[in-house]
Amino acid sequence: MPPRIRAALVHLSLSAVVALAVFLAIYFVWYPDVLFEGAGGKELFFLIAGVDVTVGPLITLVIFKPGKWGLKFDLAFIALAQVSALVYGVYVMFEARPAYIAFVVDRFAIVRANGFPEGALEKARGSGYERPPWTGPKFVGVKLPSNPDEQFNLTMSAMAGADVEYYPQYYVPYEEVRKRVRGAGLPIETLRKRNPKRGADIDAAVASTGRSEAQVRFVPMRAGKSDLSVLVDKDTGDVLKITSLAPWDER
């Protein structure tokens, strides 16, 4: 095997190992399970990893020549550029990660770490919600304000693109909204009607909860790229599973 091909393959292998390690952290921590695709993590990761994993080894294939003057510098520069691009890409994904999954009125909504309006986190100081979690999304409830001025401000903010779930001053522990979650839960039969071609997926999702279909309800979730369905316990409001099943009727 020619030395340049061998060098490119070694470079490709090392790049793939690094990309795999990054993928595991992203998939199991920041964008767990179906959030990886539903929250847009899949496209962004594969764009970053695809460019990073392929471009570096291709450049190595072109420039590598045993005994070439300055080869070590060239390879070091390629590695530095590759690592810098990967670090920047991971930083972008970290900033856009789902920080909270908030229950609002009759649905769940993903709250991204970089979506809070200016000053929103400061207003939640002392509540425990002023710093988005680093280790995956946390379930919370949202208690709507009764003050008319606050309601008006939230309406204006929603029109500008930041709904109430992006104001952590209104967060409450998930325990406080369980009753509302139970009330918002819809029967699995409705989910079947909204996903007529995914009966097997629905059966598998329900079976994975360890409960009968009669014990499970679903609540819609706004996720960003595609909306999802959250399976919950009919009696306790416990979150059982987040699925890629469509929560709304097709229009």
Protein backbone atom coordinates (compact mmCIF):
# COMPACT_ATOMS: atom_id res chain seq x y z
CA MET A 1 0.00 0.00 0.00
CA PRO A 2 1.43 3.42 -0.95
CA PRO A 3 2.56 5.49 2.06
CA ARG A 4 0.17 8.37 1.34
CA ILE A 5 -2.83 6.05 1.26
CA ARG A 6 -1.70 4.40 4.48
CA ALA A 7 -1.28 7.82 6.12
CA ALA A 8 -4.70 8.97 4.92
CA LEU A 9 -6.32 5.80 6.27
CA VAL A 10 -4.65 6.25 9.65
CA HIS A 11 -5.81 9.84 9.71
CA LEU A 12 -9.33 8.75 8.74
CA SER A 13 -9.40 6.13 11.49
CA LEU A 14 -8.30 8.60 14.16
CA SER A 15 -10.83 11.16 12.96
CA ALA A 16 -13.61 8.56 13.03
CA VAL A 17 -12.74 7.54 16.60
CA VAL A 18 -12.85 11.15 17.76
CA ALA A 19 -16.15 11.73 15.92
CA LEU A 20 -17.62 8.61 17.53
CA ALA A 21 -16.65 9.80 21.02
CA VAL A 22 -18.27 13.17 20.31
CA PHE A 23 -21.37 11.47 18.93
CA LEU A 24 -21.80 9.37 22.08
CA ALA A 25 -21.64 12.46 24.30
CA ILE A 26 -24.09 14.38 22.13
CA TYR A 27 -26.56 11.52 21.64
CA PHE A 28 -26.68 10.25 25.21
CA VAL A 29 -26.34 13.55 27.08
CA TRP A 30 -27.32 16.69 25.16
CA TYR A 31 -29.71 15.28 22.54
CA PRO A 32 -30.87 11.97 24.03
CA ASP A 33 -32.77 9.39 22.00
CA VAL A 34 -35.36 10.84 19.59
CA LEU A 35 -34.33 14.42 20.47
CA PHE A 36 -31.21 13.79 18.39
CA GLU A 37 -33.36 13.99 15.28
CA GLY A 38 -36.45 15.79 16.53
CA ALA A 39 -34.46 18.71 17.94
CA GLY A 40 -32.23 18.98 14.87
CA GLY A 41 -29.07 17.47 16.36
CA LYS A 42 -28.71 14.79 13.69
CA GLU A 43 -28.29 17.08 10.69
CA LEU A 44 -25.94 19.43 12.48
CA PHE A 45 -23.76 16.65 13.85
CA PHE A 46 -23.41 14.81 10.56
CA LEU A 47 -22.60 18.06 8.77
CA ILE A 48 -19.87 18.83 11.29
CA ALA A 49 -18.53 15.28 11.53
CA GLY A 50 -18.82 14.62 7.80
CA VAL A 51 -16.73 17.63 6.88
CA ASP A 52 -14.28 17.14 9.73
CA VAL A 53 -13.77 13.42 9.21
CA THR A 54 -13.37 13.55 5.42
CA VAL A 55 -11.55 16.81 4.66
CA GLY A 56 -8.55 16.21 6.95
CA PRO A 57 -7.73 12.72 5.60
CA LEU A 58 -8.23 13.93 2.02
CA ILE A 59 -5.71 16.72 2.54
CA THR A 60 -3.32 14.21 4.08
CA LEU A 61 -3.75 12.01 1.01
CA VAL A 62 -2.81 14.92 -1.23
CA ILE A 63 0.19 16.33 0.65
CA PHE A 64 1.73 13.27 2.28
CA LYS A 65 5.11 12.30 0.91
CA PRO A 66 7.73 10.47 3.00
CA GLY A 67 10.78 12.65 3.62
CA LYS A 68 9.06 15.81 2.41
CA TRP A 69 10.46 18.96 4.02
CA GLY A 70 7.96 20.51 6.41
CA LEU A 71 5.68 17.46 6.40
CA LYS A 72 5.40 17.39 10.19
CA PHE A 73 4.38 21.04 10.24
CA ASP A 74 1.79 20.45 7.54
CA LEU A 75 0.28 17.51 9.38
CA ALA A 76 0.26 19.40 12.67
CA PHE A 77 -1.49 22.35 11.01
CA ILE A 78 -4.11 20.06 9.47
CA ALA A 79 -4.74 18.40 12.84
CA LEU A 80 -5.02 21.80 14.56
CA ALA A 81 -7.46 23.10 11.95
CA GLN A 82 -9.47 19.90 12.18
CA VAL A 83 -9.69 20.00 15.97
CA SER A 84 -10.59 23.71 15.92
CA ALA A 85 -13.43 23.10 13.46
CA LEU A 86 -14.71 20.19 15.54
CA VAL A 87 -14.54 22.16 18.79
CA TYR A 88 -16.46 25.03 17.21
CA GLY A 89 -19.09 22.67 15.83
CA VAL A 90 -19.53 20.95 19.19
CA TYR A 91 -19.78 24.35 20.87
CA VAL A 92 -22.60 25.32 18.49
CA MET A 93 -24.44 22.10 19.30
CA PHE A 94 -23.87 22.64 23.02
CA GLU A 95 -25.27 26.16 22.84
CA ALA A 96 -28.37 24.96 20.96
CA ARG A 97 -28.92 21.90 23.17
CA PRO A 98 -32.32 21.22 24.74
CA ALA A 99 -31.93 22.54 28.28
CA TYR A 100 -35.47 22.02 29.58
CA ILE A 101 -38.60 20.22 28.51
CA ALA A 102 -41.38 22.42 29.85
CA PHE A 103 -45.04 21.53 30.25
CA VAL A 104 -47.12 24.53 29.21
CA VAL A 105 -50.94 24.45 29.45
CA ASP A 106 -51.56 21.26 27.43
CA ARG A 107 -48.27 20.39 25.76
CA PHE A 108 -44.56 19.97 26.29
CA ALA A 109 -42.03 22.24 24.62
CA ILE A 110 -38.28 22.00 24.19
CA VAL A 111 -36.39 24.97 25.60
CA ARG A 112 -32.98 25.50 24.00
CA ALA A 113 -30.08 26.81 26.02
CA ASN A 114 -29.41 29.67 23.60
CA GLY A 115 -33.04 30.73 23.22
CA PHE A 116 -33.58 32.72 26.41
CA PRO A 117 -34.30 36.42 25.83
CA GLU A 118 -31.88 38.90 27.33
CA GLY A 119 -32.37 39.15 31.08
CA ALA A 120 -34.71 36.15 31.35
CA LEU A 121 -32.22 33.98 33.23
CA GLU A 122 -31.30 36.80 35.61
CA LYS A 123 -34.96 37.17 36.64
CA ALA A 124 -34.93 33.52 37.72
CA ARG A 125 -31.94 33.99 40.02
CA GLY A 126 -32.30 32.00 43.23
CA SER A 127 -34.91 29.65 41.77
CA GLY A 128 -32.42 27.04 40.59
CA TYR A 129 -33.37 27.65 36.95
CA GLU A 130 -31.04 30.55 36.23
CA ARG A 131 -28.40 28.26 34.71
CA PRO A 132 -29.41 25.77 32.00
CA PRO A 133 -28.31 22.23 32.93
CA TRP A 134 -25.26 20.81 31.18
CA THR A 135 -26.13 17.14 31.47
CA GLY A 136 -29.29 16.82 29.42
CA PRO A 137 -32.77 18.32 29.38
CA LYS A 138 -34.70 18.60 32.63
CA PHE A 139 -38.50 18.33 32.89
CA VAL A 140 -40.21 21.33 34.45
CA GLY A 141 -43.67 22.88 34.58
CA VAL A 142 -44.67 26.41 33.69
CA LYS A 143 -47.07 28.42 35.86
CA LEU A 144 -48.66 31.22 33.88
CA PRO A 145 -48.73 34.63 35.61
CA SER A 146 -52.00 36.20 36.75
CA ASN A 147 -50.70 39.76 36.54
CA PRO A 148 -52.19 41.48 33.44
CA ASP A 149 -48.97 43.39 32.69
CA GLU A 150 -46.94 40.20 32.75
CA GLN A 151 -49.51 38.46 30.56
CA PHE A 152 -49.31 41.30 28.05
CA ASN A 153 -45.51 41.22 28.03
CA LEU A 154 -45.54 37.47 27.44
CA THR A 155 -47.99 37.88 24.55
CA MET A 156 -45.68 40.43 22.94
CA SER A 157 -42.68 38.18 23.52
CA ALA A 158 -44.48 35.21 21.99
CA MET A 159 -45.23 37.29 18.90
CA ALA A 160 -41.50 38.03 18.69
CA GLY A 161 -40.66 34.31 18.91
CA ALA A 162 -39.99 33.69 22.61
CA ASP A 163 -42.95 32.01 24.33
CA VAL A 164 -43.49 31.65 28.08
CA GLU A 165 -41.32 28.51 28.33
CA TYR A 166 -38.30 30.75 27.70
CA TYR A 167 -38.90 32.65 30.93
CA PRO A 168 -37.61 30.42 33.76
CA GLN A 169 -39.01 32.78 36.41
CA TYR A 170 -42.30 30.97 35.74
CA TYR A 171 -40.86 27.47 36.11
CA VAL A 172 -42.10 25.14 38.81
CA PRO A 173 -40.98 21.59 39.62
CA TYR A 174 -42.54 18.95 37.41
CA GLU A 175 -44.24 17.50 40.48
CA GLU A 176 -46.51 20.55 40.59
CA VAL A 177 -47.94 19.99 37.11
CA ARG A 178 -48.54 16.26 37.17
CA LYS A 179 -52.30 16.73 37.55
CA ARG A 180 -52.35 19.03 34.52
CA VAL A 181 -50.27 16.55 32.54
CA ARG A 182 -52.75 13.80 33.34
CA GLY A 183 -55.59 16.04 32.24
CA ALA A 184 -53.84 16.89 28.97
CA GLY A 185 -53.06 13.25 28.15
CA LEU A 186 -54.84 11.80 25.13
CA PRO A 187 -55.62 8.11 24.58
CA ILE A 188 -53.28 6.00 22.51
CA GLU A 189 -56.16 5.28 20.14
CA THR A 190 -55.97 8.94 19.10
CA LEU A 191 -52.26 8.52 18.46
CA ARG A 192 -53.04 5.58 16.21
CA LYS A 193 -55.46 7.67 14.19
CA ARG A 194 -52.81 10.34 13.77
CA ASN A 195 -50.17 7.80 12.75
CA PRO A 196 -52.15 5.27 10.66
CA LYS A 197 -49.06 3.69 9.11
CA ARG A 198 -47.08 3.32 12.33
CA GLY A 199 -49.11 0.82 14.30
CA ALA A 200 -46.08 -1.39 14.97
CA ASP A 201 -44.07 1.59 16.25
CA ILE A 202 -46.90 2.53 18.61
CA ASP A 203 -47.15 -1.04 19.91
CA ALA A 204 -43.39 -1.12 20.52
CA ALA A 205 -43.40 2.27 22.26
CA VAL A 206 -46.23 1.28 24.60
CA ALA A 207 -44.64 -2.10 25.31
CA SER A 208 -41.35 -0.39 26.24
CA THR A 209 -43.12 1.45 29.07
CA GLY A 210 -44.05 -1.81 30.80
CA ARG A 211 -47.67 -0.72 31.00
CA SER A 212 -50.82 -1.68 29.17
CA GLU A 213 -52.18 0.64 26.50
CA ALA A 214 -55.06 1.59 28.80
CA GLN A 215 -52.55 2.87 31.38
CA VAL A 216 -50.73 5.13 28.93
CA ARG A 217 -51.61 8.53 27.50
CA PHE A 218 -49.71 10.81 25.16
CA VAL A 219 -49.06 14.56 25.26
CA PRO A 220 -47.85 16.54 22.21
CA MET A 221 -44.41 18.16 22.32
CA ARG A 222 -43.10 21.05 20.26
CA ALA A 223 -39.53 20.10 19.42
CA GLY A 224 -38.38 22.39 16.64
CA LYS A 225 -37.49 20.34 13.57
CA SER A 226 -40.36 17.92 14.05
CA ASP A 227 -42.97 17.63 16.78
CA LEU A 228 -42.93 14.58 19.04
CA SER A 229 -45.25 12.63 21.33
CA VAL A 230 -44.55 12.10 25.02
CA LEU A 231 -45.99 8.96 26.59
CA VAL A 232 -47.09 9.48 30.19
CA ASP A 233 -48.66 7.35 32.89
CA LYS A 234 -52.43 7.92 32.97
CA ASP A 235 -52.61 7.87 36.77
CA THR A 236 -49.36 9.48 37.93
CA GLY A 237 -48.32 11.77 35.06
CA ASP A 238 -44.86 10.17 35.03
CA VAL A 239 -43.01 10.70 31.76
CA LEU A 240 -42.46 7.24 30.31
CA LYS A 241 -41.02 7.79 26.85
CA ILE A 242 -40.51 10.44 24.19
CA THR A 243 -41.34 9.14 20.72
CA SER A 244 -41.10 10.38 17.14
CA LEU A 245 -44.81 9.68 16.59
CA ALA A 246 -46.73 12.64 15.14
CA PRO A 247 -48.89 14.26 17.85
CA TRP A 248 -51.14 16.25 15.54
CA ASP A 249 -53.60 15.48 12.77
CA GLU A 250 -52.03 15.83 9.32
CA ARG A 251 -53.23 18.91 7.51
